[in-house]
Amino acid sequence: MNHGEVDDSYIDGHPVLGLTVVAIEDSSDATLPDQLVIAGAYADAFVMRSGCGLVAHCAAGVSRSSYRNLATIMLVEHLDFAAALAFLRHHRPQANPNPGFVDQLRKLEAQLLAGQVP
């Protein structure tokens, strides 16, 4: 391996079984389709329930990964946005999804409360 290359086959000494890249800008008008957020969160839940670890990250680890992680927490743990954010910030204090992501998560929260998401 040359210096400067990244070996993404291991994270903290654990083998990486899969890698998915979702390109999204960290701007207040960037959103993912609701179906993609929900499908991704359920995929995350499946991975976690199978006993595997899961890492979701973005360049700064502040906004975009928080967005994805919050959607997963809300769906898997059946938490509202505020409770999911408190849970995430307990483990990652710098978690701070941008206003556009917050709007989309609030929409997901309303769908969950209305029973529109399984």
N, C-alpha and C. Protein backbone atom coordinates (compact mmCIF):
# COMPACT_ATOMS: atom_id res chain seq x y z
N MET A 1 0.85 -1.17 0.00
CA MET A 1 0.00 0.00 0.00
C MET A 1 0.89 1.23 0.00
N ASN A 2 0.59 2.16 -0.87
CA ASN A 2 1.31 3.42 -0.90
C ASN A 2 0.77 4.34 0.17
N HIS A 3 1.63 5.24 0.64
CA HIS A 3 1.15 6.24 1.59
C HIS A 3 0.08 7.08 0.92
N GLY A 4 -0.94 7.41 1.65
CA GLY A 4 -2.02 8.21 1.09
C GLY A 4 -3.18 7.38 0.57
N GLU A 5 -2.97 6.09 0.36
CA GLU A 5 -4.08 5.23 -0.06
C GLU A 5 -4.87 4.80 1.17
N VAL A 6 -6.12 4.61 1.00
CA VAL A 6 -6.99 4.18 2.09
C VAL A 6 -7.40 2.74 1.86
N ASP A 7 -7.19 1.90 2.86
CA ASP A 7 -7.65 0.52 2.79
C ASP A 7 -9.02 0.47 3.44
N ASP A 8 -10.07 0.46 2.61
CA ASP A 8 -11.42 0.47 3.17
C ASP A 8 -11.98 -0.94 3.35
N SER A 9 -11.11 -1.95 3.33
CA SER A 9 -11.57 -3.31 3.56
C SER A 9 -11.65 -3.62 5.06
N TYR A 10 -11.10 -2.73 5.89
CA TYR A 10 -11.15 -2.89 7.34
C TYR A 10 -11.43 -1.55 7.99
N ILE A 11 -12.26 -1.55 9.02
CA ILE A 11 -12.49 -0.37 9.84
C ILE A 11 -12.23 -0.78 11.28
N ASP A 12 -11.28 -0.12 11.91
CA ASP A 12 -10.89 -0.45 13.28
C ASP A 12 -10.60 -1.93 13.46
N GLY A 13 -9.97 -2.53 12.46
CA GLY A 13 -9.59 -3.93 12.53
C GLY A 13 -10.68 -4.92 12.20
N HIS A 14 -11.87 -4.44 11.87
CA HIS A 14 -12.99 -5.32 11.54
C HIS A 14 -13.19 -5.33 10.03
N PRO A 15 -13.45 -6.50 9.45
CA PRO A 15 -13.64 -6.55 7.99
C PRO A 15 -14.91 -5.82 7.56
N VAL A 16 -14.82 -5.17 6.44
CA VAL A 16 -15.97 -4.49 5.85
C VAL A 16 -16.63 -5.46 4.89
N LEU A 17 -17.91 -5.75 5.11
CA LEU A 17 -18.62 -6.70 4.27
C LEU A 17 -19.30 -6.03 3.09
N GLY A 18 -19.55 -4.76 3.20
CA GLY A 18 -20.21 -4.04 2.11
C GLY A 18 -19.98 -2.55 2.27
N LEU A 19 -20.08 -1.85 1.17
CA LEU A 19 -19.88 -0.41 1.18
C LEU A 19 -20.87 0.20 0.20
N THR A 20 -21.62 1.15 0.68
CA THR A 20 -22.56 1.87 -0.17
C THR A 20 -22.25 3.35 -0.06
N VAL A 21 -22.19 4.01 -1.18
CA VAL A 21 -21.93 5.45 -1.20
C VAL A 21 -23.16 6.15 -1.73
N VAL A 22 -23.67 7.10 -0.96
CA VAL A 22 -24.80 7.92 -1.39
C VAL A 22 -24.30 9.35 -1.44
N ALA A 23 -24.23 9.90 -2.63
CA ALA A 23 -23.73 11.27 -2.80
C ALA A 23 -24.86 12.25 -2.54
N ILE A 24 -24.67 13.10 -1.56
CA ILE A 24 -25.66 14.13 -1.25
C ILE A 24 -24.92 15.34 -0.70
N GLU A 25 -25.30 16.50 -1.19
CA GLU A 25 -24.69 17.74 -0.73
C GLU A 25 -25.17 18.06 0.68
N ASP A 26 -24.31 18.71 1.45
CA ASP A 26 -24.70 19.16 2.78
C ASP A 26 -25.21 20.59 2.68
N SER A 27 -26.40 20.73 2.11
CA SER A 27 -27.01 22.05 1.98
C SER A 27 -28.46 21.95 2.44
N SER A 28 -29.03 23.07 2.82
CA SER A 28 -30.38 23.05 3.39
C SER A 28 -31.45 22.62 2.39
N ASP A 29 -31.13 22.66 1.09
CA ASP A 29 -32.13 22.22 0.11
C ASP A 29 -31.87 20.81 -0.41
N ALA A 30 -30.86 20.13 0.12
CA ALA A 30 -30.57 18.76 -0.29
C ALA A 30 -31.44 17.80 0.53
N THR A 31 -32.11 16.91 -0.16
CA THR A 31 -32.91 15.89 0.51
C THR A 31 -32.80 14.59 -0.26
N LEU A 32 -33.14 13.53 0.39
CA LEU A 32 -33.26 12.23 -0.26
C LEU A 32 -34.74 11.90 -0.37
N PRO A 33 -35.14 11.19 -1.40
CA PRO A 33 -36.54 10.78 -1.49
C PRO A 33 -36.95 9.99 -0.24
N ASP A 34 -38.17 10.23 0.25
CA ASP A 34 -38.64 9.56 1.46
C ASP A 34 -38.46 8.05 1.38
N GLN A 35 -38.76 7.48 0.22
CA GLN A 35 -38.67 6.03 0.07
C GLN A 35 -37.23 5.55 0.26
N LEU A 36 -36.26 6.34 -0.21
CA LEU A 36 -34.86 5.96 -0.07
C LEU A 36 -34.43 6.02 1.40
N VAL A 37 -34.87 7.05 2.10
CA VAL A 37 -34.53 7.18 3.52
C VAL A 37 -35.12 6.00 4.30
N ILE A 38 -36.37 5.69 4.05
CA ILE A 38 -37.03 4.60 4.76
C ILE A 38 -36.42 3.26 4.40
N ALA A 39 -36.19 3.01 3.13
CA ALA A 39 -35.57 1.75 2.70
C ALA A 39 -34.18 1.60 3.29
N GLY A 40 -33.41 2.67 3.29
CA GLY A 40 -32.07 2.63 3.86
C GLY A 40 -32.09 2.35 5.35
N ALA A 41 -33.03 2.96 6.05
CA ALA A 41 -33.12 2.73 7.49
C ALA A 41 -33.51 1.29 7.80
N TYR A 42 -34.42 0.73 7.02
CA TYR A 42 -34.78 -0.67 7.23
C TYR A 42 -33.62 -1.61 6.87
N ALA A 43 -32.85 -1.27 5.87
CA ALA A 43 -31.66 -2.06 5.53
C ALA A 43 -30.66 -2.01 6.69
N ASP A 44 -30.48 -0.81 7.25
CA ASP A 44 -29.60 -0.67 8.41
C ASP A 44 -30.08 -1.55 9.56
N ALA A 45 -31.38 -1.54 9.80
CA ALA A 45 -31.95 -2.33 10.89
C ALA A 45 -31.70 -3.82 10.67
N PHE A 46 -31.85 -4.28 9.44
CA PHE A 46 -31.61 -5.68 9.12
C PHE A 46 -30.16 -6.05 9.42
N VAL A 47 -29.23 -5.19 9.01
CA VAL A 47 -27.81 -5.45 9.25
C VAL A 47 -27.54 -5.52 10.75
N MET A 48 -28.07 -4.57 11.50
CA MET A 48 -27.82 -4.54 12.94
C MET A 48 -28.43 -5.75 13.64
N ARG A 49 -29.62 -6.15 13.23
CA ARG A 49 -30.28 -7.30 13.86
C ARG A 49 -29.58 -8.61 13.53
N SER A 50 -28.82 -8.63 12.45
CA SER A 50 -28.09 -9.85 12.08
C SER A 50 -26.81 -10.00 12.89
N GLY A 51 -26.53 -9.02 13.76
CA GLY A 51 -25.36 -9.10 14.62
C GLY A 51 -24.14 -8.40 14.06
N CYS A 52 -24.28 -7.78 12.92
CA CYS A 52 -23.15 -7.06 12.32
C CYS A 52 -23.17 -5.61 12.77
N GLY A 53 -22.01 -5.01 12.76
CA GLY A 53 -21.92 -3.58 13.04
C GLY A 53 -22.24 -2.79 11.80
N LEU A 54 -22.50 -1.53 11.99
CA LEU A 54 -22.85 -0.65 10.88
C LEU A 54 -22.22 0.70 11.12
N VAL A 55 -21.59 1.24 10.09
CA VAL A 55 -20.98 2.56 10.17
C VAL A 55 -21.60 3.43 9.09
N ALA A 56 -22.16 4.55 9.48
CA ALA A 56 -22.65 5.55 8.53
C ALA A 56 -21.86 6.82 8.79
N HIS A 57 -21.21 7.31 7.77
CA HIS A 57 -20.38 8.50 8.01
C HIS A 57 -20.43 9.42 6.81
N CYS A 58 -20.01 10.65 7.05
CA CYS A 58 -19.89 11.64 5.99
C CYS A 58 -18.55 12.35 6.22
N ALA A 59 -18.25 13.32 5.42
CA ALA A 59 -16.94 13.97 5.48
C ALA A 59 -16.64 14.54 6.86
N ALA A 60 -17.58 15.26 7.45
CA ALA A 60 -17.33 15.90 8.74
C ALA A 60 -17.96 15.14 9.91
N GLY A 61 -18.85 14.21 9.62
CA GLY A 61 -19.51 13.47 10.69
C GLY A 61 -20.47 14.31 11.51
N VAL A 62 -21.04 15.33 10.88
CA VAL A 62 -21.90 16.26 11.61
C VAL A 62 -23.34 16.26 11.08
N SER A 63 -23.52 16.47 9.80
CA SER A 63 -24.86 16.70 9.26
C SER A 63 -25.42 15.52 8.47
N ARG A 64 -24.73 15.13 7.40
CA ARG A 64 -25.28 14.09 6.51
C ARG A 64 -25.39 12.74 7.20
N SER A 65 -24.36 12.33 7.91
CA SER A 65 -24.46 11.03 8.60
C SER A 65 -25.48 11.10 9.73
N SER A 66 -25.61 12.27 10.37
CA SER A 66 -26.63 12.43 11.41
C SER A 66 -28.02 12.23 10.83
N TYR A 67 -28.22 12.76 9.64
CA TYR A 67 -29.50 12.64 8.94
C TYR A 67 -29.86 11.16 8.75
N ARG A 68 -28.93 10.41 8.22
CA ARG A 68 -29.18 8.98 7.97
C ARG A 68 -29.34 8.21 9.28
N ASN A 69 -28.48 8.50 10.24
CA ASN A 69 -28.55 7.80 11.52
C ASN A 69 -29.85 8.12 12.26
N LEU A 70 -30.29 9.37 12.21
CA LEU A 70 -31.54 9.74 12.88
C LEU A 70 -32.73 9.01 12.26
N ALA A 71 -32.77 8.92 10.94
CA ALA A 71 -33.87 8.19 10.29
C ALA A 71 -33.88 6.74 10.75
N THR A 72 -32.72 6.13 10.84
CA THR A 72 -32.63 4.74 11.29
C THR A 72 -33.10 4.61 12.73
N ILE A 73 -32.63 5.49 13.59
CA ILE A 73 -33.02 5.44 15.01
C ILE A 73 -34.52 5.63 15.16
N MET A 74 -35.08 6.58 14.43
CA MET A 74 -36.52 6.83 14.52
C MET A 74 -37.33 5.61 14.10
N LEU A 75 -36.91 4.95 13.02
CA LEU A 75 -37.65 3.79 12.53
C LEU A 75 -37.44 2.55 13.38
N VAL A 76 -36.21 2.30 13.78
CA VAL A 76 -35.90 1.08 14.51
C VAL A 76 -36.35 1.16 15.96
N GLU A 77 -36.10 2.30 16.60
CA GLU A 77 -36.41 2.45 18.02
C GLU A 77 -37.78 3.07 18.28
N HIS A 78 -38.47 3.46 17.21
CA HIS A 78 -39.80 4.08 17.32
C HIS A 78 -39.75 5.33 18.19
N LEU A 79 -38.77 6.17 17.91
CA LEU A 79 -38.61 7.42 18.65
C LEU A 79 -39.02 8.59 17.79
N ASP A 80 -39.51 9.66 18.43
CA ASP A 80 -39.77 10.88 17.68
C ASP A 80 -38.44 11.58 17.42
N PHE A 81 -38.49 12.65 16.63
CA PHE A 81 -37.26 13.32 16.23
C PHE A 81 -36.45 13.81 17.42
N ALA A 82 -37.10 14.47 18.38
CA ALA A 82 -36.37 15.03 19.53
C ALA A 82 -35.68 13.94 20.35
N ALA A 83 -36.38 12.84 20.59
CA ALA A 83 -35.80 11.75 21.36
C ALA A 83 -34.66 11.08 20.60
N ALA A 84 -34.83 10.91 19.29
CA ALA A 84 -33.76 10.32 18.47
C ALA A 84 -32.53 11.22 18.46
N LEU A 85 -32.74 12.53 18.35
CA LEU A 85 -31.62 13.47 18.35
C LEU A 85 -30.91 13.45 19.70
N ALA A 86 -31.65 13.40 20.79
CA ALA A 86 -31.03 13.33 22.12
C ALA A 86 -30.20 12.05 22.25
N PHE A 87 -30.75 10.93 21.78
CA PHE A 87 -30.03 9.66 21.82
C PHE A 87 -28.74 9.75 21.01
N LEU A 88 -28.85 10.26 19.78
CA LEU A 88 -27.67 10.36 18.92
C LEU A 88 -26.62 11.29 19.53
N ARG A 89 -27.05 12.45 20.04
CA ARG A 89 -26.10 13.41 20.62
C ARG A 89 -25.45 12.88 21.89
N HIS A 90 -26.12 11.95 22.57
CA HIS A 90 -25.49 11.31 23.73
C HIS A 90 -24.24 10.55 23.29
N HIS A 91 -24.31 9.94 22.12
CA HIS A 91 -23.20 9.15 21.59
C HIS A 91 -22.29 9.95 20.66
N ARG A 92 -22.83 10.97 20.03
CA ARG A 92 -22.07 11.81 19.09
C ARG A 92 -22.53 13.25 19.28
N PRO A 93 -21.94 13.96 20.26
CA PRO A 93 -22.40 15.31 20.61
C PRO A 93 -22.41 16.30 19.46
N GLN A 94 -21.55 16.13 18.49
CA GLN A 94 -21.49 17.09 17.39
C GLN A 94 -22.53 16.84 16.30
N ALA A 95 -23.37 15.83 16.47
CA ALA A 95 -24.43 15.55 15.48
C ALA A 95 -25.32 16.78 15.32
N ASN A 96 -25.45 17.25 14.08
CA ASN A 96 -26.21 18.47 13.83
C ASN A 96 -26.69 18.50 12.38
N PRO A 97 -27.79 17.81 12.08
CA PRO A 97 -28.29 17.82 10.70
C PRO A 97 -28.70 19.23 10.29
N ASN A 98 -28.46 19.57 9.03
CA ASN A 98 -28.80 20.92 8.56
C ASN A 98 -30.33 21.09 8.53
N PRO A 99 -30.81 22.34 8.41
CA PRO A 99 -32.26 22.60 8.47
C PRO A 99 -33.09 21.82 7.45
N GLY A 100 -32.58 21.61 6.26
CA GLY A 100 -33.32 20.84 5.26
C GLY A 100 -33.48 19.39 5.69
N PHE A 101 -32.43 18.82 6.27
CA PHE A 101 -32.51 17.44 6.75
C PHE A 101 -33.48 17.36 7.94
N VAL A 102 -33.45 18.37 8.81
CA VAL A 102 -34.38 18.38 9.95
C VAL A 102 -35.82 18.41 9.44
N ASP A 103 -36.09 19.24 8.43
CA ASP A 103 -37.44 19.29 7.86
C ASP A 103 -37.87 17.92 7.36
N GLN A 104 -36.97 17.22 6.68
CA GLN A 104 -37.32 15.91 6.15
C GLN A 104 -37.53 14.90 7.29
N LEU A 105 -36.73 14.99 8.33
CA LEU A 105 -36.90 14.09 9.47
C LEU A 105 -38.20 14.38 10.21
N ARG A 106 -38.60 15.64 10.28
CA ARG A 106 -39.89 16.00 10.89
C ARG A 106 -41.04 15.42 10.06
N LYS A 107 -40.87 15.41 8.75
CA LYS A 107 -41.89 14.81 7.88
C LYS A 107 -41.97 13.30 8.14
N LEU A 108 -40.81 12.66 8.30
CA LEU A 108 -40.79 11.23 8.63
C LEU A 108 -41.47 11.00 9.97
N GLU A 109 -41.20 11.87 10.94
CA GLU A 109 -41.83 11.77 12.26
C GLU A 109 -43.35 11.81 12.14
N ALA A 110 -43.86 12.75 11.35
CA ALA A 110 -45.31 12.86 11.16
C ALA A 110 -45.88 11.59 10.52
N GLN A 111 -45.14 11.02 9.56
CA GLN A 111 -45.59 9.78 8.92
C GLN A 111 -45.61 8.63 9.93
N LEU A 112 -44.60 8.58 10.79
CA LEU A 112 -44.55 7.53 11.81
C LEU A 112 -45.71 7.67 12.78
N LEU A 113 -45.97 8.89 13.24
CA LEU A 113 -47.05 9.13 14.20
C LEU A 113 -48.42 8.82 13.59
N ALA A 114 -48.55 9.03 12.29
CA ALA A 114 -49.82 8.76 11.61
C ALA A 114 -49.95 7.30 11.19
N GLY A 115 -48.93 6.49 11.48
CA GLY A 115 -48.96 5.08 11.11
C GLY A 115 -48.81 4.84 9.63
N GLN A 116 -48.20 5.79 8.93
CA GLN A 116 -48.04 5.67 7.48
C GLN A 116 -46.76 4.95 7.08
N VAL A 117 -45.92 4.65 8.07
CA VAL A 117 -44.68 3.92 7.82
C VAL A 117 -44.73 2.67 8.67
N PRO A 118 -44.53 1.50 8.07
CA PRO A 118 -44.61 0.25 8.85
C PRO A 118 -43.54 0.17 9.92
